[in-house]
Protein backbone atom coordinates (compact mmCIF):
# COMPACT_ATOMS: atom_id res chain seq x y z
CA MET A 1 -101.60 -44.72 40.76
CA LYS A 2 -103.95 -42.76 38.65
CA LYS A 3 -103.53 -38.83 38.73
CA ILE A 4 -106.47 -37.48 40.76
CA ASN A 5 -107.40 -33.90 40.89
CA CYS A 6 -109.93 -31.99 43.07
CA ILE A 7 -113.23 -31.58 41.26
CA ALA A 8 -113.67 -28.02 42.65
CA CYS A 9 -110.46 -26.38 42.14
CA GLY A 10 -108.62 -28.81 39.86
CA GLU A 11 -105.42 -29.20 42.41
CA GLU A 12 -103.65 -32.58 42.27
CA ILE A 13 -104.57 -34.72 45.29
CA ILE A 14 -101.27 -36.80 46.30
CA ASP A 15 -101.98 -37.57 49.88
CA LYS A 16 -103.58 -40.85 50.58
CA ASP A 17 -105.28 -39.38 53.72
CA THR A 18 -107.07 -36.89 51.63
CA ILE A 19 -108.45 -39.78 49.56
CA GLY A 20 -109.40 -41.72 52.76
CA ILE A 21 -111.17 -38.57 54.36
CA ASN A 22 -113.40 -38.11 51.09
CA LYS A 23 -114.26 -41.80 51.17
CA LYS A 24 -115.02 -41.82 54.90
CA LEU A 25 -117.16 -38.65 55.04
CA ILE A 26 -118.84 -38.76 51.47
CA GLY A 27 -118.94 -42.47 50.58
CA GLU A 28 -116.63 -45.36 49.68
CA ASP A 29 -117.91 -45.77 46.13
CA ILE A 30 -117.14 -42.28 45.24
CA LYS A 31 -115.05 -41.58 41.99
CA THR A 32 -114.42 -37.98 42.28
CA PHE A 33 -112.56 -36.26 45.23
CA TYR A 34 -111.98 -32.90 46.82
CA CYS A 35 -108.73 -31.34 48.36
CA ILE A 36 -108.68 -30.83 52.00
CA ASN A 37 -109.63 -26.97 51.51
CA CYS A 38 -112.37 -27.58 49.03
CA LEU A 39 -113.71 -30.47 51.29
CA ALA A 40 -113.90 -28.30 54.13
CA ASP A 41 -115.94 -25.86 52.20
CA TYR A 42 -118.10 -28.45 50.73
CA LEU A 43 -118.97 -29.78 54.39
CA GLY A 44 -119.02 -26.33 55.98
CA CYS A 45 -116.16 -26.73 58.42
CA ASP A 46 -112.76 -25.54 59.17
CA VAL A 47 -109.70 -27.51 57.45
CA GLN A 48 -108.42 -28.10 61.02
CA ASP A 49 -111.77 -30.15 61.64
CA ILE A 50 -110.87 -32.41 58.79
CA PHE A 51 -107.44 -32.94 59.90
CA ASP A 52 -108.59 -33.74 63.25
CA LYS A 53 -111.01 -36.27 61.92
CA ILE A 54 -108.37 -37.80 59.93
CA GLU A 55 -106.28 -38.45 63.24
CA GLU A 56 -109.51 -39.61 64.95
CA PHE A 57 -110.00 -42.27 62.33
CA LYS A 58 -106.48 -43.48 62.16
CA GLU A 59 -106.56 -43.77 66.23
CA GLU A 60 -109.84 -46.05 65.77
CA GLY A 61 -108.04 -48.10 63.01
CA CYS A 62 -110.04 -47.17 60.10
CA LYS A 63 -108.98 -49.20 57.12
CA LEU A 64 -109.05 -46.35 54.80
CA PHE A 65 -106.15 -44.55 56.86
CA SER A 66 -103.77 -47.53 57.20
């Protein structure tokens, strides 16, 4: 897999769920990604809100989190 870094802070993204939540909340066709902390800042929410959404989407069977 190609190395992916956060477009805001440069941190390497190694978790598939981080990629999935970016695609789910921003758009499936995006080419750049945020780490969880920067995504929360970008969306104006708490990091825990992002983790809660990931779990919610997993429970719903979302293909981005399989």
